[in-house]
Amino acid sequence: VYQVDFVVLALGRYSGIPKFLLGKGPEVFHGEVIHFKDYAAMDYEVATKYIKGKRIVVVGAKRSALDIAMECC
């Protein structure tokens, strides 16, 4: 079990947030779920304040996920 403040879904530029089974999706997570496009649209200062002091998980395995994971580190 991992405890995080928010999840960034970096599943592809055109993927959006996937559909989940009832009771198995973002509604059971008490943090925030955002798509990488929403994070990437923030300017550097806003993004820095947004992630400061938070535990984050980035879901994805390609360039956008790696870019955001590196920036959050």
N, C-alpha and C. Protein backbone atom coordinates (compact mmCIF):
# COMPACT_ATOMS: atom_id res chain seq x y z
N VAL A 1 0.85 -1.18 0.00
CA VAL A 1 0.00 0.00 0.00
C VAL A 1 0.89 1.23 0.00
N TYR A 2 0.61 2.13 -0.93
CA TYR A 2 1.32 3.40 -1.00
C TYR A 2 0.35 4.51 -0.65
N GLN A 3 0.82 5.46 0.11
CA GLN A 3 -0.01 6.62 0.44
C GLN A 3 0.56 7.83 -0.27
N VAL A 4 -0.25 8.41 -1.15
CA VAL A 4 0.17 9.56 -1.93
C VAL A 4 -0.89 10.64 -1.85
N ASP A 5 -0.47 11.87 -2.18
CA ASP A 5 -1.39 13.00 -2.16
C ASP A 5 -2.13 13.17 -3.48
N PHE A 6 -1.44 12.85 -4.59
CA PHE A 6 -2.14 12.87 -5.86
C PHE A 6 -1.46 11.98 -6.88
N VAL A 7 -2.22 11.65 -7.91
CA VAL A 7 -1.78 10.75 -8.97
C VAL A 7 -1.79 11.53 -10.28
N VAL A 8 -0.71 11.40 -11.05
CA VAL A 8 -0.65 11.97 -12.40
C VAL A 8 -0.75 10.80 -13.37
N LEU A 9 -1.77 10.80 -14.22
CA LEU A 9 -1.94 9.77 -15.23
C LEU A 9 -1.27 10.24 -16.51
N ALA A 10 -0.16 9.61 -16.85
CA ALA A 10 0.59 9.95 -18.07
C ALA A 10 0.49 8.76 -19.02
N LEU A 11 -0.70 8.57 -19.55
CA LEU A 11 -0.99 7.39 -20.36
C LEU A 11 -1.05 7.69 -21.85
N GLY A 12 -0.65 8.87 -22.23
CA GLY A 12 -0.67 9.27 -23.63
C GLY A 12 -1.44 10.57 -23.81
N ARG A 13 -1.01 11.34 -24.76
CA ARG A 13 -1.59 12.66 -25.00
C ARG A 13 -3.09 12.63 -25.24
N TYR A 14 -3.58 11.62 -25.91
CA TYR A 14 -5.01 11.58 -26.28
C TYR A 14 -5.81 10.57 -25.48
N SER A 15 -5.22 10.01 -24.42
CA SER A 15 -5.88 8.93 -23.70
C SER A 15 -6.98 9.39 -22.75
N GLY A 16 -6.80 10.53 -22.11
CA GLY A 16 -7.77 10.95 -21.11
C GLY A 16 -7.66 10.06 -19.88
N ILE A 17 -8.61 10.16 -18.97
CA ILE A 17 -8.62 9.32 -17.78
C ILE A 17 -9.43 8.07 -18.12
N PRO A 18 -8.84 6.89 -17.93
CA PRO A 18 -9.53 5.66 -18.33
C PRO A 18 -10.76 5.37 -17.48
N LYS A 19 -11.61 4.49 -17.97
CA LYS A 19 -12.79 4.04 -17.23
C LYS A 19 -12.36 2.95 -16.25
N PHE A 20 -12.96 2.94 -15.07
CA PHE A 20 -12.67 1.95 -14.05
C PHE A 20 -13.95 1.26 -13.63
N LEU A 21 -13.83 0.07 -13.08
CA LEU A 21 -14.98 -0.60 -12.49
C LEU A 21 -15.48 0.22 -11.31
N LEU A 22 -16.77 0.17 -11.05
CA LEU A 22 -17.36 0.91 -9.94
C LEU A 22 -16.66 0.51 -8.64
N GLY A 23 -16.22 1.48 -7.88
CA GLY A 23 -15.53 1.22 -6.62
C GLY A 23 -14.06 0.88 -6.77
N LYS A 24 -13.51 1.00 -7.99
CA LYS A 24 -12.11 0.66 -8.23
C LYS A 24 -11.34 1.80 -8.90
N GLY A 25 -11.93 2.98 -8.97
CA GLY A 25 -11.31 4.08 -9.69
C GLY A 25 -10.98 5.26 -8.80
N PRO A 26 -10.82 6.42 -9.41
CA PRO A 26 -10.42 7.62 -8.66
C PRO A 26 -11.37 8.00 -7.53
N GLU A 27 -12.62 7.55 -7.59
CA GLU A 27 -13.58 7.93 -6.53
C GLU A 27 -13.22 7.30 -5.18
N VAL A 28 -12.44 6.24 -5.15
CA VAL A 28 -12.04 5.62 -3.88
C VAL A 28 -10.72 6.19 -3.36
N PHE A 29 -10.06 6.99 -4.17
CA PHE A 29 -8.82 7.64 -3.79
C PHE A 29 -9.16 9.01 -3.23
N HIS A 30 -8.69 9.31 -2.05
CA HIS A 30 -9.07 10.56 -1.40
C HIS A 30 -8.16 11.73 -1.76
N GLY A 31 -7.23 11.49 -2.67
CA GLY A 31 -6.38 12.56 -3.16
C GLY A 31 -6.90 13.10 -4.47
N GLU A 32 -6.03 13.69 -5.23
CA GLU A 32 -6.41 14.29 -6.52
C GLU A 32 -5.83 13.45 -7.66
N VAL A 33 -6.59 13.31 -8.73
CA VAL A 33 -6.14 12.60 -9.93
C VAL A 33 -6.16 13.60 -11.07
N ILE A 34 -5.01 13.76 -11.75
CA ILE A 34 -4.94 14.67 -12.88
C ILE A 34 -4.30 13.96 -14.06
N HIS A 35 -4.62 14.41 -15.24
CA HIS A 35 -4.00 13.91 -16.46
C HIS A 35 -2.73 14.72 -16.68
N PHE A 36 -1.74 14.10 -17.29
CA PHE A 36 -0.47 14.81 -17.49
C PHE A 36 -0.63 16.10 -18.28
N LYS A 37 -1.63 16.17 -19.17
CA LYS A 37 -1.84 17.40 -19.94
C LYS A 37 -2.16 18.57 -19.01
N ASP A 38 -2.91 18.29 -17.94
CA ASP A 38 -3.26 19.35 -16.98
C ASP A 38 -2.02 19.80 -16.21
N TYR A 39 -1.19 18.83 -15.85
CA TYR A 39 0.05 19.19 -15.16
C TYR A 39 0.98 19.95 -16.10
N ALA A 40 1.15 19.45 -17.31
CA ALA A 40 2.06 20.07 -18.28
C ALA A 40 1.61 21.47 -18.68
N ALA A 41 0.33 21.77 -18.56
CA ALA A 41 -0.19 23.09 -18.92
C ALA A 41 0.15 24.15 -17.87
N MET A 42 0.55 23.72 -16.67
CA MET A 42 0.91 24.68 -15.62
C MET A 42 2.27 25.29 -15.95
N ASP A 43 2.44 26.57 -15.62
CA ASP A 43 3.78 27.13 -15.78
C ASP A 43 4.66 26.61 -14.64
N TYR A 44 5.96 26.81 -14.77
CA TYR A 44 6.92 26.21 -13.85
C TYR A 44 6.66 26.59 -12.39
N GLU A 45 6.40 27.86 -12.13
CA GLU A 45 6.18 28.31 -10.75
C GLU A 45 4.92 27.70 -10.15
N VAL A 46 3.84 27.65 -10.91
CA VAL A 46 2.59 27.06 -10.43
C VAL A 46 2.79 25.57 -10.16
N ALA A 47 3.44 24.86 -11.08
CA ALA A 47 3.69 23.43 -10.91
C ALA A 47 4.56 23.16 -9.69
N THR A 48 5.57 23.99 -9.48
CA THR A 48 6.46 23.82 -8.34
C THR A 48 5.69 23.95 -7.03
N LYS A 49 4.84 24.96 -6.93
CA LYS A 49 4.03 25.14 -5.72
C LYS A 49 3.03 23.99 -5.57
N TYR A 50 2.50 23.50 -6.68
CA TYR A 50 1.49 22.45 -6.67
C TYR A 50 2.03 21.14 -6.10
N ILE A 51 3.28 20.81 -6.40
CA ILE A 51 3.84 19.53 -5.97
C ILE A 51 4.67 19.62 -4.69
N LYS A 52 5.01 20.81 -4.27
CA LYS A 52 5.90 20.97 -3.11
C LYS A 52 5.34 20.28 -1.87
N GLY A 53 6.15 19.40 -1.28
CA GLY A 53 5.79 18.72 -0.04
C GLY A 53 4.76 17.62 -0.18
N LYS A 54 4.42 17.24 -1.41
CA LYS A 54 3.41 16.20 -1.63
C LYS A 54 4.04 14.90 -2.08
N ARG A 55 3.37 13.82 -1.75
CA ARG A 55 3.77 12.50 -2.25
C ARG A 55 2.97 12.23 -3.52
N ILE A 56 3.70 11.93 -4.59
CA ILE A 56 3.10 11.85 -5.92
C ILE A 56 3.42 10.50 -6.53
N VAL A 57 2.49 9.95 -7.27
CA VAL A 57 2.78 8.79 -8.10
C VAL A 57 2.42 9.16 -9.54
N VAL A 58 3.31 8.81 -10.45
CA VAL A 58 3.08 9.04 -11.87
C VAL A 58 2.83 7.67 -12.50
N VAL A 59 1.68 7.50 -13.14
CA VAL A 59 1.33 6.25 -13.79
C VAL A 59 1.57 6.41 -15.28
N GLY A 60 2.48 5.62 -15.81
CA GLY A 60 2.82 5.69 -17.22
C GLY A 60 4.25 5.20 -17.39
N ALA A 61 4.68 5.02 -18.63
CA ALA A 61 6.01 4.45 -18.84
C ALA A 61 6.76 5.06 -20.01
N LYS A 62 6.22 6.07 -20.61
CA LYS A 62 6.90 6.65 -21.76
C LYS A 62 7.36 8.06 -21.44
N ARG A 63 7.63 8.81 -22.46
CA ARG A 63 8.29 10.11 -22.32
C ARG A 63 7.58 11.08 -21.39
N SER A 64 6.28 11.23 -21.54
CA SER A 64 5.57 12.21 -20.68
C SER A 64 5.64 11.79 -19.22
N ALA A 65 5.48 10.51 -18.93
CA ALA A 65 5.55 10.03 -17.55
C ALA A 65 6.94 10.25 -16.97
N LEU A 66 7.96 9.92 -17.74
CA LEU A 66 9.33 10.09 -17.27
C LEU A 66 9.68 11.56 -17.07
N ASP A 67 9.23 12.42 -17.98
CA ASP A 67 9.48 13.86 -17.83
C ASP A 67 8.86 14.40 -16.55
N ILE A 68 7.62 14.04 -16.28
CA ILE A 68 6.94 14.55 -15.09
C ILE A 68 7.56 13.95 -13.84
N ALA A 69 7.88 12.66 -13.85
CA ALA A 69 8.51 12.04 -12.69
C ALA A 69 9.84 12.72 -12.37
N MET A 70 10.65 12.99 -13.37
CA MET A 70 11.93 13.67 -13.16
C MET A 70 11.72 15.08 -12.61
N GLU A 71 10.74 15.80 -13.14
CA GLU A 71 10.47 17.15 -12.66
C GLU A 71 10.00 17.14 -11.21
N CYS A 72 9.18 16.16 -10.85
CA CYS A 72 8.66 16.08 -9.48
C CYS A 72 9.76 15.71 -8.48
N CYS A 73 10.78 15.01 -8.96
CA CYS A 73 11.89 14.65 -8.05
C CYS A 73 12.63 15.90 -7.67
